[in-house]
Amino acid sequence: MTWLQATVLGAVQGLSEFLPISSSGHLIVVPWLLGWPLQSLAFDVALHLGTLIAVVAAYGDDWARLVVGAVRGARRGTPFSEPEGRLLLLLVLASIPAAIAGLLLEKWAENVFRSPALVAVDMAVMGAVLLIADRRAGSSSKDVATVSTRDALLIGAAQALALVPGVSRSGATISAALFLGYRREEAARFSFLLAVPITFGAVIFKVPHLFGAPEAKQAMAGLVTAAVFGLLSIRLLLAYVRTRDYRPFVYYRWAFALVVITVLLLRRV
């Protein structure tokens, strides 16, 4: 892997992780389209460390309040009595389905799921799901402060689907939140908060495999690029959905799927 390839993939990861367009799908299809060798899954997770840094930078104050609230409640013997402690607990509970799915389907994620054709199908199908969910958002009124245990677990279950490339972690969680009646901006906010526990777990589990690997140095360039572009994409999405809907991302997903299918057909001719 060259430094240019690592940097490009870092930018791709950073831009697509928080937008509902599937970073894992892009990390499979972009090298395939450009004729690059497919990077290891450990390299992909190193890029996720970059976007983890981005979301912590964007929501560091929120996480500090959640932890402080839980600690304050714990000192009184009721760690989840305060709203911050309760939300922290719900974020942990919502992360469990994806953690279990990741452990059970790890080998499939490394091999079977890394198919451009599968990415194209998932991009198209989840684009339709996002469109339907977004149409329900006009009368939505819920916010993150009022999330229930049921809603958190349902959004967490949706996050587990993102193990399949093309689904999109943010796309699945945002769609689930929209279906449950959360405002567009609040759906994105909960999705970003929920990214921290599961991404941290994946990083801890996979990044050690990079040490001693041929692409370890290049991964650092990709990591930094992913962090910069990840923070940019968070800011852009939150600013955008305050006044607009998710339809452009739906159309992008469909166009992306069409490109992949067209290239697949042309390469078989």
Protein backbone atom coordinates (compact mmCIF):
# COMPACT_ATOMS: atom_id res chain seq x y z
CA MET A 1 0.00 0.00 0.00
CA THR A 2 1.32 3.43 -0.95
CA TRP A 3 1.09 6.59 1.12
CA LEU A 4 -1.27 8.07 -1.48
CA GLN A 5 -3.61 5.08 -1.24
CA ALA A 6 -3.63 5.26 2.56
CA THR A 7 -4.41 8.97 2.50
CA VAL A 8 -7.18 8.60 -0.06
CA LEU A 9 -8.76 5.78 1.92
CA GLY A 10 -8.49 7.88 5.08
CA ALA A 11 -10.37 10.70 3.38
CA VAL A 12 -12.98 8.24 2.11
CA GLN A 13 -13.43 6.80 5.59
CA GLY A 14 -13.67 10.19 7.23
CA LEU A 15 -16.27 11.52 4.80
CA SER A 16 -18.42 8.39 4.64
CA GLU A 17 -18.38 7.17 8.26
CA PHE A 18 -20.80 9.75 9.60
CA LEU A 19 -22.79 10.41 6.45
CA PRO A 20 -25.43 7.70 5.86
CA ILE A 21 -23.59 6.25 2.85
CA SER A 22 -21.55 3.34 4.31
CA SER A 23 -17.85 3.78 4.99
CA SER A 24 -17.24 0.01 4.87
CA GLY A 25 -18.89 -0.18 1.45
CA HIS A 26 -16.70 2.62 0.15
CA LEU A 27 -13.54 1.03 1.58
CA ILE A 28 -14.34 -2.09 -0.44
CA VAL A 29 -15.51 -0.49 -3.68
CA VAL A 30 -13.02 2.39 -4.04
CA PRO A 31 -9.90 0.15 -4.14
CA TRP A 32 -11.79 -2.26 -6.42
CA LEU A 33 -12.68 0.51 -8.87
CA LEU A 34 -9.13 1.92 -8.86
CA GLY A 35 -7.45 -1.46 -9.20
CA TRP A 36 -5.74 -1.26 -5.82
CA PRO A 37 -5.17 -4.34 -3.65
CA LEU A 38 -7.82 -4.62 -0.97
CA GLN A 39 -6.51 -3.45 2.39
CA SER A 40 -6.77 -5.62 5.48
CA LEU A 41 -9.69 -5.38 7.87
CA ALA A 42 -7.22 -4.30 10.56
CA PHE A 43 -6.27 -1.32 8.37
CA ASP A 44 -9.96 -0.44 8.03
CA VAL A 45 -10.29 -0.47 11.81
CA ALA A 46 -7.23 1.79 12.11
CA LEU A 47 -9.11 4.25 9.91
CA HIS A 48 -12.04 3.86 12.31
CA LEU A 49 -9.70 4.98 15.07
CA GLY A 50 -9.31 8.20 13.12
CA THR A 51 -13.06 8.72 12.94
CA LEU A 52 -13.34 7.76 16.62
CA ILE A 53 -10.97 10.63 17.39
CA ALA A 54 -13.18 12.88 15.24
CA VAL A 55 -16.44 12.00 17.00
CA VAL A 56 -14.83 12.29 20.44
CA ALA A 57 -13.52 15.72 19.45
CA ALA A 58 -17.00 16.73 18.28
CA TYR A 59 -18.87 15.26 21.26
CA GLY A 60 -16.21 15.27 23.96
CA ASP A 61 -18.19 17.74 26.09
CA ASP A 62 -21.32 15.56 25.80
CA TRP A 63 -19.44 12.44 26.88
CA ALA A 64 -17.83 14.33 29.76
CA ARG A 65 -21.28 15.37 31.00
CA LEU A 66 -22.56 11.79 30.67
CA VAL A 67 -19.68 10.36 32.68
CA VAL A 68 -19.80 13.11 35.31
CA GLY A 69 -23.54 12.63 35.69
CA ALA A 70 -23.13 8.87 36.15
CA VAL A 71 -20.33 9.37 38.70
CA ARG A 72 -22.38 11.97 40.59
CA GLY A 73 -25.30 9.56 40.77
CA ALA A 74 -23.03 6.68 41.79
CA ARG A 75 -21.79 8.66 44.76
CA ARG A 76 -25.38 8.83 45.95
CA GLY A 77 -25.87 5.12 45.31
CA THR A 78 -28.09 5.75 42.25
CA PRO A 79 -25.73 5.97 39.23
CA PHE A 80 -28.49 6.09 36.64
CA SER A 81 -30.93 8.38 38.38
CA GLU A 82 -29.69 11.50 36.62
CA PRO A 83 -30.49 12.05 32.90
CA GLU A 84 -26.80 11.95 31.93
CA GLY A 85 -26.17 8.67 33.74
CA ARG A 86 -29.31 7.16 32.25
CA LEU A 87 -28.31 8.14 28.71
CA LEU A 88 -24.85 6.69 29.27
CA LEU A 89 -26.42 3.38 30.33
CA LEU A 90 -28.69 3.38 27.26
CA LEU A 91 -25.76 3.98 24.93
CA VAL A 92 -23.94 1.02 26.48
CA LEU A 93 -27.03 -1.20 26.17
CA ALA A 94 -27.58 -0.10 22.57
CA SER A 95 -24.01 -1.12 21.72
CA ILE A 96 -24.46 -4.73 22.85
CA PRO A 97 -26.29 -6.08 19.73
CA ALA A 98 -23.54 -4.84 17.39
CA ALA A 99 -20.82 -6.18 19.69
CA ILE A 100 -22.41 -9.64 19.71
CA ALA A 101 -22.92 -9.59 15.94
CA GLY A 102 -19.31 -8.55 15.41
CA LEU A 103 -18.00 -11.45 17.50
CA LEU A 104 -20.27 -14.02 15.86
CA LEU A 105 -19.76 -12.87 12.27
CA GLU A 106 -16.14 -11.72 12.37
CA LYS A 107 -14.90 -14.26 9.78
CA TRP A 108 -17.78 -13.46 7.43
CA ALA A 109 -16.97 -9.75 7.74
CA GLU A 110 -13.38 -10.44 6.73
CA ASN A 111 -14.24 -12.60 3.71
CA VAL A 112 -17.81 -13.26 2.55
CA PHE A 113 -19.16 -9.73 3.09
CA ARG A 114 -16.35 -7.97 1.19
CA SER A 115 -18.06 -8.16 -2.19
CA PRO A 116 -18.74 -5.14 -4.47
CA ALA A 117 -21.97 -6.77 -5.67
CA LEU A 118 -23.23 -7.16 -2.11
CA VAL A 119 -22.28 -3.55 -1.38
CA ALA A 120 -24.28 -2.37 -4.41
CA VAL A 121 -27.40 -4.27 -3.34
CA ASP A 122 -27.16 -3.05 0.25
CA MET A 123 -26.55 0.54 -0.85
CA ALA A 124 -29.68 0.49 -3.01
CA VAL A 125 -31.93 -1.27 -0.48
CA MET A 126 -30.86 0.86 2.48
CA GLY A 127 -31.26 3.94 0.33
CA ALA A 128 -34.93 3.06 -0.04
CA VAL A 129 -35.20 2.43 3.72
CA LEU A 130 -33.64 5.82 4.48
CA LEU A 131 -36.04 7.52 2.05
CA ILE A 132 -39.10 5.97 3.70
CA ALA A 133 -37.77 6.81 7.18
CA ASP A 134 -36.99 10.38 6.18
CA ARG A 135 -40.53 10.94 4.91
CA ARG A 136 -41.79 10.16 8.41
CA ALA A 137 -39.57 12.81 9.94
CA GLY A 138 -41.81 15.77 9.10
CA SER A 139 -43.91 15.37 12.23
CA SER A 140 -41.14 13.99 14.48
CA SER A 141 -40.64 15.58 17.88
CA LYS A 142 -38.47 13.26 20.01
CA ASP A 143 -34.96 14.19 21.09
CA VAL A 144 -32.01 12.35 22.61
CA ALA A 145 -32.88 13.48 26.12
CA THR A 146 -36.13 11.50 26.01
CA VAL A 147 -34.82 8.27 24.43
CA SER A 148 -36.39 5.20 26.00
CA THR A 149 -34.83 1.81 26.71
CA ARG A 150 -36.92 0.25 23.93
CA ASP A 151 -35.84 2.89 21.41
CA ALA A 152 -32.18 2.58 22.38
CA LEU A 153 -32.24 -1.21 21.93
CA LEU A 154 -34.04 -0.96 18.58
CA ILE A 155 -31.53 1.59 17.29
CA GLY A 156 -28.75 -0.62 18.64
CA ALA A 157 -30.18 -3.61 16.78
CA ALA A 158 -30.18 -1.53 13.60
CA GLN A 159 -26.53 -0.70 14.22
CA ALA A 160 -25.74 -4.42 14.26
CA LEU A 161 -26.91 -4.65 10.62
CA ALA A 162 -24.04 -2.38 9.61
CA LEU A 163 -21.63 -5.29 9.91
CA VAL A 164 -22.68 -5.97 6.32
CA PRO A 165 -20.88 -3.45 4.05
CA GLY A 166 -23.20 -1.10 2.21
CA VAL A 167 -25.76 -0.95 5.00
CA SER A 168 -24.02 1.98 6.79
CA ARG A 169 -23.86 2.23 10.56
CA SER A 170 -25.00 5.84 10.56
CA GLY A 171 -27.59 5.13 7.86
CA ALA A 172 -29.11 2.23 9.80
CA THR A 173 -29.16 4.02 13.16
CA ILE A 174 -30.44 7.30 11.72
CA SER A 175 -33.17 5.43 9.79
CA ALA A 176 -34.21 3.55 12.92
CA ALA A 177 -34.34 6.76 14.94
CA LEU A 178 -36.40 8.49 12.25
CA PHE A 179 -38.86 5.57 12.19
CA LEU A 180 -39.15 5.90 15.98
CA GLY A 181 -40.09 9.57 15.73
CA TYR A 182 -36.84 11.43 16.42
CA ARG A 183 -36.08 14.71 14.69
CA ARG A 184 -33.49 14.57 11.89
CA GLU A 185 -30.80 16.39 13.85
CA GLU A 186 -31.48 14.36 17.00
CA ALA A 187 -31.35 11.10 15.03
CA ALA A 188 -27.90 12.08 13.76
CA ARG A 189 -26.77 13.13 17.24
CA PHE A 190 -27.77 9.81 18.83
CA SER A 191 -26.07 7.98 15.96
CA PHE A 192 -22.84 9.88 16.55
CA LEU A 193 -22.90 9.28 20.30
CA LEU A 194 -23.58 5.60 19.69
CA ALA A 195 -20.56 5.40 17.38
CA VAL A 196 -18.14 5.82 20.27
CA PRO A 197 -18.61 2.58 22.30
CA ILE A 198 -18.78 0.17 19.35
CA THR A 199 -15.93 1.83 17.44
CA PHE A 200 -13.77 1.90 20.56
CA GLY A 201 -14.41 -1.81 21.09
CA ALA A 202 -13.54 -2.66 17.48
CA VAL A 203 -10.37 -0.57 17.64
CA ILE A 204 -9.19 -2.23 20.86
CA PHE A 205 -9.89 -5.66 19.37
CA LYS A 206 -8.35 -5.17 15.92
CA VAL A 207 -5.71 -2.44 15.90
CA PRO A 208 -3.08 -4.57 17.72
CA HIS A 209 -3.02 -6.73 14.56
CA LEU A 210 -1.49 -3.76 12.73
CA PHE A 211 1.70 -3.77 14.77
CA GLY A 212 4.38 -5.32 12.63
CA ALA A 213 2.13 -5.40 9.56
CA PRO A 214 3.56 -4.04 6.27
CA GLU A 215 0.91 -1.29 6.13
CA ALA A 216 1.30 -0.08 9.73
CA LYS A 217 3.10 3.17 8.86
CA GLN A 218 0.70 4.02 6.04
CA ALA A 219 -2.20 3.40 8.42
CA MET A 220 -1.05 6.35 10.51
CA ALA A 221 -1.42 8.66 7.50
CA GLY A 222 -4.86 7.22 6.85
CA LEU A 223 -5.79 7.62 10.51
CA VAL A 224 -4.93 11.34 10.58
CA THR A 225 -6.75 11.99 7.31
CA ALA A 226 -9.81 10.08 8.55
CA ALA A 227 -9.87 12.16 11.75
CA VAL A 228 -9.75 15.47 9.88
CA PHE A 229 -12.35 14.54 7.29
CA GLY A 230 -14.50 12.80 9.91
CA LEU A 231 -14.77 15.93 12.01
CA LEU A 232 -15.60 17.91 8.88
CA SER A 233 -18.38 15.49 7.86
CA ILE A 234 -19.95 15.59 11.35
CA ARG A 235 -20.10 19.38 11.26
CA LEU A 236 -21.49 19.41 7.73
CA LEU A 237 -24.19 16.80 8.36
CA LEU A 238 -25.46 18.43 11.55
CA ALA A 239 -25.61 21.83 9.87
CA TYR A 240 -27.34 20.36 6.84
CA VAL A 241 -30.11 18.35 8.56
CA ARG A 242 -31.18 21.25 10.75
CA THR A 243 -33.07 22.63 7.76
CA ARG A 244 -33.01 19.90 5.10
CA ASP A 245 -33.84 16.22 4.63
CA TYR A 246 -31.78 13.12 3.85
CA ARG A 247 -32.87 12.68 0.22
CA PRO A 248 -29.52 13.68 -1.35
CA PHE A 249 -27.87 10.79 0.50
CA VAL A 250 -30.57 8.43 -0.81
CA TYR A 251 -29.89 9.53 -4.38
CA TYR A 252 -26.15 9.20 -3.84
CA ARG A 253 -26.59 5.64 -2.59
CA TRP A 254 -28.62 4.69 -5.63
CA ALA A 255 -26.14 6.33 -8.02
CA PHE A 256 -23.25 4.56 -6.26
CA ALA A 257 -25.02 1.21 -6.57
CA LEU A 258 -25.69 1.85 -10.26
CA VAL A 259 -22.01 2.61 -10.91
CA VAL A 260 -20.90 -0.59 -9.19
CA ILE A 261 -23.40 -2.74 -11.06
CA THR A 262 -22.46 -1.11 -14.39
CA VAL A 263 -18.74 -1.74 -13.81
CA LEU A 264 -19.44 -5.34 -12.81
CA LEU A 265 -21.36 -5.92 -16.04
CA LEU A 266 -18.74 -4.19 -18.21
CA ARG A 267 -15.92 -6.25 -16.70
CA ARG A 268 -17.77 -9.43 -17.59
CA VAL A 269 -18.11 -8.47 -21.26
